[in-house]
Amino acid sequence: MSILVQVLLNGLGRGAIFALLALGFVIIYKATEVVNFAHGSIALFGGYLTYVLKSHMGWYLAALLGVLSAALLALLLERLILSRAKLASQDSLAILTIGVDIVVLTEISRRLGTEAAPFLGDPYQEVRVSILGATVEGPQIVALVSALVLIGAFFAVFRYSSWGLAMRAQSENREAAALMGIRSSRVTSSAWAVGGALAGIAILFIATLPIAGGAGLTAAHTIAFAAFPAAILGGLTSPGGAVVGGITVGLVEAFSQQYINQDFAKVAVYLVMLVVLVARPSGLFGRVEQQRV
């Protein structure tokens, strides 16, 4: 029983992190219809800056600057590159983000070298809590609580604020939203910045020993990319689906790792994604767009 509880709690902790990343994917796609394949590198950039700065100004301030830097990088990517390719299709823009991902990943990997760079000494690193005979690590606890607060705050803002109304309107009909006075560039830029900030927050939990398997930042990019099937599972047009997809991926990975093996756990989430896409090509909560011809 204690093993089952342990695996379940570990899966929920990981799933909360994947939910934050998947939510960033969905926000960007919902506002722009562009799949951001540079999401992992944006997260990695924020984590790397936190790692570099924490010895100079303390963990909390470094983490804040890391999150802001991830949001700024996402904003610059949209403003300086994507927004200038006005005639490019969404598929072309997605390929462009792959190029950005390669550039950022290569440069940070070069700077890190063979250094694992885990966030040793974080304020939650040594926290342990016992629940029904299972021991829960500090990063999982903080990740789960933080994700619940952030996701709840996001949905409240998305539902009741003028920004959320503008984003929902643009996702429904960009031309009609523009005619109603909604500035598309402002909505798009803010969506990229919010998505980048969520990635920057998630990396603070990814680059820790219990979650990244001891590899720290060197494994963070690969782990962050696992949020892509989470977004696909829930549906790229559904913020709520991103949360469900993230939790699903975390649980599938944790149970596969415990009851099968580590190698199978790496591909299990993609197998689940394939099964879901065969049954529901738009994802569990995604919306099938119909166009009149």
Protein backbone atom coordinates (compact mmCIF):
# COMPACT_ATOMS: atom_id res chain seq x y z
CA MET A 1 0.00 0.00 0.00
CA SER A 2 2.79 2.42 0.90
CA ILE A 3 4.48 1.76 -2.45
CA LEU A 4 1.26 2.54 -4.32
CA VAL A 5 0.81 5.78 -2.37
CA GLN A 6 4.46 6.67 -3.00
CA VAL A 7 4.13 6.16 -6.75
CA LEU A 8 0.83 8.03 -6.85
CA LEU A 9 2.23 11.05 -5.01
CA ASN A 10 5.39 11.05 -7.16
CA GLY A 11 3.23 10.91 -10.27
CA LEU A 12 1.07 13.81 -9.10
CA GLY A 13 4.17 15.87 -8.30
CA ARG A 14 5.62 15.28 -11.75
CA GLY A 15 2.24 15.73 -13.36
CA ALA A 16 1.89 19.16 -11.78
CA ILE A 17 5.15 20.22 -13.42
CA PHE A 18 4.09 18.82 -16.79
CA ALA A 19 0.75 20.61 -16.38
CA LEU A 20 2.50 23.97 -16.02
CA LEU A 21 4.56 23.32 -19.14
CA ALA A 22 1.60 21.99 -21.12
CA LEU A 23 -0.47 25.00 -20.10
CA GLY A 24 2.24 27.23 -21.59
CA PHE A 25 2.04 25.24 -24.84
CA VAL A 26 -1.74 25.63 -24.96
CA ILE A 27 -1.79 29.35 -24.14
CA ILE A 28 0.60 30.10 -26.99
CA TYR A 29 -1.22 27.83 -29.43
CA LYS A 30 -4.64 29.16 -28.46
CA ALA A 31 -3.55 32.74 -29.14
CA THR A 32 -1.45 32.16 -32.26
CA GLU A 33 -2.11 28.61 -33.58
CA VAL A 34 1.66 28.08 -33.49
CA VAL A 35 3.18 25.02 -31.81
CA ASN A 36 6.14 26.34 -29.86
CA PHE A 37 8.87 23.68 -30.12
CA ALA A 38 11.28 26.07 -28.37
CA HIS A 39 9.35 25.71 -25.10
CA GLY A 40 11.96 23.39 -23.61
CA SER A 41 14.80 25.77 -24.42
CA ILE A 42 12.89 28.71 -22.97
CA ALA A 43 12.55 26.77 -19.73
CA LEU A 44 16.21 25.78 -19.88
CA PHE A 45 17.26 29.41 -20.35
CA GLY A 46 15.40 30.47 -17.21
CA GLY A 47 16.88 27.59 -15.24
CA TYR A 48 20.41 28.32 -16.44
CA LEU A 49 20.16 31.97 -15.46
CA THR A 50 18.86 30.98 -12.02
CA TYR A 51 21.79 28.60 -11.59
CA VAL A 52 24.32 31.27 -12.57
CA LEU A 53 22.85 34.01 -10.39
CA LYS A 54 21.90 32.12 -7.22
CA SER A 55 25.42 32.15 -5.77
CA HIS A 56 25.55 35.96 -6.13
CA MET A 57 22.11 37.09 -4.97
CA GLY A 58 20.47 34.15 -3.24
CA TRP A 59 18.05 31.54 -4.52
CA TYR A 60 14.78 33.48 -4.29
CA LEU A 61 15.91 36.54 -6.24
CA ALA A 62 17.77 34.40 -8.76
CA ALA A 63 14.65 32.26 -9.27
CA LEU A 64 12.52 35.36 -9.81
CA LEU A 65 14.97 36.71 -12.39
CA GLY A 66 15.11 33.29 -14.03
CA VAL A 67 11.33 33.20 -14.44
CA LEU A 68 11.27 36.76 -15.78
CA SER A 69 14.10 35.98 -18.20
CA ALA A 70 12.19 32.98 -19.58
CA ALA A 71 9.14 35.21 -20.11
CA LEU A 72 11.33 37.86 -21.77
CA LEU A 73 12.98 35.31 -24.09
CA ALA A 74 9.56 34.03 -25.19
CA LEU A 75 8.38 37.60 -25.75
CA LEU A 76 11.47 38.47 -27.81
CA LEU A 77 11.06 35.31 -29.87
CA GLU A 78 7.54 36.37 -30.78
CA ARG A 79 8.23 40.08 -31.29
CA LEU A 80 11.58 39.95 -33.08
CA ILE A 81 11.19 36.80 -35.15
CA LEU A 82 7.69 35.35 -35.46
CA SER A 83 5.77 38.61 -35.76
CA ARG A 84 8.00 39.71 -38.64
CA ALA A 85 7.15 36.62 -40.67
CA LYS A 86 3.64 37.86 -41.36
CA LEU A 87 3.15 35.86 -44.56
CA ALA A 88 4.48 32.59 -43.15
CA SER A 89 2.09 29.75 -42.33
CA GLN A 90 1.71 28.36 -38.83
CA ASP A 91 3.62 25.26 -39.91
CA SER A 92 6.54 27.38 -41.07
CA LEU A 93 6.55 29.31 -37.81
CA ALA A 94 6.59 26.05 -35.85
CA ILE A 95 9.64 24.92 -37.83
CA LEU A 96 11.24 28.28 -37.07
CA THR A 97 10.82 27.63 -33.34
CA ILE A 98 12.71 24.35 -33.82
CA GLY A 99 15.65 26.37 -35.12
CA VAL A 100 15.50 28.66 -32.10
CA ASP A 101 15.33 25.63 -29.82
CA ILE A 102 18.50 24.16 -31.35
CA VAL A 103 20.41 27.44 -31.05
CA VAL A 104 19.49 28.06 -27.38
CA LEU A 105 20.02 24.42 -26.37
CA THR A 106 23.41 24.22 -28.09
CA GLU A 107 24.69 27.43 -26.51
CA ILE A 108 23.59 26.55 -22.98
CA SER A 109 24.96 23.01 -23.34
CA ARG A 110 28.27 24.50 -24.45
CA ARG A 111 28.37 26.76 -21.42
CA LEU A 112 27.48 23.97 -19.00
CA GLY A 113 29.83 21.43 -20.55
CA THR A 114 29.73 18.19 -18.59
CA GLU A 115 28.47 19.90 -15.45
CA ALA A 116 25.18 18.46 -14.22
CA ALA A 117 24.30 21.71 -12.39
CA PRO A 118 21.56 20.49 -10.05
CA PHE A 119 19.97 23.11 -7.79
CA LEU A 120 21.63 21.86 -4.61
CA GLY A 121 20.78 23.87 -1.50
CA ASP A 122 17.34 24.96 -2.67
CA PRO A 123 15.04 25.93 0.23
CA TYR A 124 12.78 22.91 -0.39
CA GLN A 125 15.47 20.36 -1.23
CA GLU A 126 15.67 18.75 2.22
CA VAL A 127 11.94 18.78 2.98
CA ARG A 128 10.38 15.35 3.61
CA VAL A 129 6.75 14.58 4.46
CA SER A 130 5.31 11.16 5.36
CA ILE A 131 1.83 10.38 4.04
CA LEU A 132 0.26 6.92 4.64
CA GLY A 133 3.69 5.35 4.99
CA ALA A 134 5.11 7.04 1.89
CA THR A 135 7.82 9.68 1.95
CA VAL A 136 7.25 12.63 -0.35
CA GLU A 137 10.23 14.71 -1.49
CA GLY A 138 10.28 18.49 -1.09
CA PRO A 139 10.28 19.35 -4.83
CA GLN A 140 7.14 17.25 -5.42
CA ILE A 141 5.33 18.93 -2.52
CA VAL A 142 6.24 22.46 -3.56
CA ALA A 143 5.62 21.69 -7.23
CA LEU A 144 2.15 20.33 -6.54
CA VAL A 145 1.12 23.19 -4.26
CA SER A 146 2.62 25.84 -6.54
CA ALA A 147 0.99 24.31 -9.62
CA LEU A 148 -2.42 24.22 -7.95
CA VAL A 149 -2.14 27.89 -6.95
CA LEU A 150 -0.80 29.04 -10.32
CA ILE A 151 -3.26 27.02 -12.37
CA GLY A 152 -6.16 28.24 -10.22
CA ALA A 153 -4.98 31.83 -10.58
CA PHE A 154 -4.60 31.43 -14.33
CA PHE A 155 -8.12 30.07 -14.81
CA ALA A 156 -9.55 32.86 -12.66
CA VAL A 157 -7.74 35.50 -14.74
CA PHE A 158 -8.57 33.69 -17.98
CA ARG A 159 -12.25 33.56 -17.08
CA TYR A 160 -12.88 36.95 -15.46
CA SER A 161 -10.27 39.45 -16.70
CA SER A 162 -10.34 41.57 -19.83
CA TRP A 163 -7.11 39.86 -20.92
CA GLY A 164 -8.78 36.46 -20.73
CA LEU A 165 -11.79 37.75 -22.62
CA ALA A 166 -9.54 39.17 -25.34
CA MET A 167 -7.64 35.89 -25.66
CA ARG A 168 -10.83 33.84 -25.86
CA ALA A 169 -12.23 36.20 -28.47
CA GLN A 170 -9.08 36.05 -30.60
CA SER A 171 -8.93 32.26 -30.40
CA GLU A 172 -12.52 32.07 -31.61
CA ASN A 173 -12.24 34.55 -34.47
CA ARG A 174 -9.19 36.74 -34.97
CA GLU A 175 -10.80 39.01 -37.58
CA ALA A 176 -13.96 39.62 -35.56
CA ALA A 177 -11.88 40.31 -32.44
CA ALA A 178 -9.84 42.90 -34.33
CA LEU A 179 -13.04 44.59 -35.52
CA MET A 180 -14.15 44.82 -31.89
CA GLY A 181 -11.00 46.77 -31.01
CA ILE A 182 -8.89 43.93 -29.61
CA ARG A 183 -5.22 44.42 -30.47
CA SER A 184 -3.99 41.11 -31.78
CA SER A 185 -0.31 41.93 -31.23
CA ARG A 186 -0.89 42.69 -27.55
CA VAL A 187 -2.80 39.46 -26.95
CA THR A 188 -0.19 37.41 -28.82
CA SER A 189 2.76 38.99 -27.01
CA SER A 190 1.19 38.52 -23.60
CA ALA A 191 0.39 34.88 -24.40
CA TRP A 192 4.02 34.16 -25.26
CA ALA A 193 5.23 35.97 -22.14
CA VAL A 194 2.84 34.03 -19.88
CA GLY A 195 3.81 30.75 -21.54
CA GLY A 196 7.48 31.56 -21.04
CA ALA A 197 6.93 32.45 -17.38
CA LEU A 198 5.17 29.14 -16.75
CA ALA A 199 8.11 27.33 -18.35
CA GLY A 200 10.51 29.31 -16.16
CA ILE A 201 8.59 28.30 -13.04
CA ALA A 202 8.45 24.63 -14.06
CA ILE A 203 12.22 24.44 -14.58
CA LEU A 204 12.78 25.31 -10.91
CA PHE A 205 11.24 21.94 -10.05
CA ILE A 206 12.55 19.96 -13.02
CA ALA A 207 16.21 20.71 -12.31
CA THR A 208 16.22 19.01 -8.91
CA LEU A 209 17.66 15.63 -8.03
CA PRO A 210 14.45 13.67 -7.27
CA ILE A 211 12.73 14.74 -10.49
CA ALA A 212 15.58 14.98 -13.01
CA GLY A 213 17.21 11.77 -11.83
CA GLY A 214 20.35 13.54 -10.66
CA ALA A 215 21.10 15.12 -14.04
CA GLY A 216 19.84 18.60 -13.16
CA LEU A 217 19.86 21.12 -15.98
CA THR A 218 21.47 18.71 -18.46
CA ALA A 219 18.26 16.64 -18.48
CA ALA A 220 15.84 19.54 -18.05
CA HIS A 221 15.32 20.14 -21.77
CA THR A 222 14.40 16.50 -22.44
CA ILE A 223 12.06 16.38 -19.46
CA ALA A 224 10.43 19.67 -20.45
CA PHE A 225 9.73 18.33 -23.91
CA ALA A 226 7.67 15.53 -22.31
CA ALA A 227 5.06 18.23 -21.72
CA PHE A 228 4.34 18.19 -25.46
CA PRO A 229 2.44 14.88 -25.34
CA ALA A 230 0.66 16.23 -22.25
CA ALA A 231 -0.65 19.16 -24.28
CA ILE A 232 -1.59 16.86 -27.17
CA LEU A 233 -3.41 14.47 -24.85
CA GLY A 234 -5.61 17.18 -23.39
CA GLY A 235 -6.04 19.04 -26.66
CA LEU A 236 -4.04 22.03 -27.86
CA THR A 237 -7.08 24.29 -27.68
CA SER A 238 -8.05 23.43 -24.09
CA PRO A 239 -6.27 24.93 -21.04
CA GLY A 240 -8.16 22.52 -18.81
CA GLY A 241 -7.10 19.67 -21.03
CA ALA A 242 -3.47 20.71 -20.58
CA VAL A 243 -3.81 20.23 -16.83
CA VAL A 244 -5.47 16.83 -17.23
CA GLY A 245 -2.85 15.82 -19.80
CA GLY A 246 0.00 16.89 -17.53
CA ILE A 247 -1.32 14.88 -14.58
CA THR A 248 -1.90 11.89 -16.89
CA VAL A 249 1.66 12.01 -18.21
CA GLY A 250 3.08 12.27 -14.69
CA LEU A 251 1.08 9.28 -13.45
CA VAL A 252 1.81 7.14 -16.51
CA GLU A 253 5.51 7.85 -16.21
CA ALA A 254 5.62 7.15 -12.47
CA PHE A 255 3.66 3.87 -12.65
CA SER A 256 5.60 2.65 -15.68
CA GLN A 257 8.89 3.37 -13.97
CA GLN A 258 7.85 1.55 -10.80
CA TYR A 259 6.06 -1.49 -12.19
CA ILE A 260 7.79 -2.04 -15.57
CA ASN A 261 11.18 -0.35 -16.04
CA GLN A 262 12.88 3.00 -16.61
CA ASP A 263 13.33 2.52 -20.35
CA PHE A 264 9.66 1.75 -20.94
CA ALA A 265 8.65 4.77 -18.83
CA LYS A 266 10.41 7.05 -21.34
CA VAL A 267 8.15 5.92 -24.18
CA ALA A 268 4.98 5.03 -22.26
CA VAL A 269 3.59 8.57 -22.40
CA TYR A 270 4.05 8.65 -26.18
CA LEU A 271 2.25 5.33 -26.52
CA VAL A 272 -0.66 6.72 -24.50
CA MET A 273 -0.63 9.81 -26.72
CA LEU A 274 -0.84 7.67 -29.86
CA VAL A 275 -3.77 5.68 -28.47
CA VAL A 276 -5.64 8.86 -27.55
CA LEU A 277 -4.98 10.47 -30.94
CA VAL A 278 -6.29 7.39 -32.76
CA ALA A 279 -9.54 7.58 -30.78
CA ARG A 280 -9.75 11.39 -30.56
CA PRO A 281 -7.48 13.21 -33.05
CA SER A 282 -8.18 16.56 -31.37
CA GLY A 283 -7.24 15.30 -27.89
CA LEU A 284 -9.43 14.52 -24.90
CA PHE A 285 -10.82 18.04 -24.58
CA GLY A 286 -9.72 19.60 -27.86
CA ARG A 287 -12.13 21.26 -30.21
CA VAL A 288 -12.55 20.14 -33.80
CA GLU A 289 -12.64 23.22 -35.99
CA GLN A 290 -15.14 23.16 -38.84
CA GLN A 291 -14.83 25.46 -41.80
CA ARG A 292 -17.53 26.20 -44.33
CA VAL A 293 -16.35 25.82 -47.93
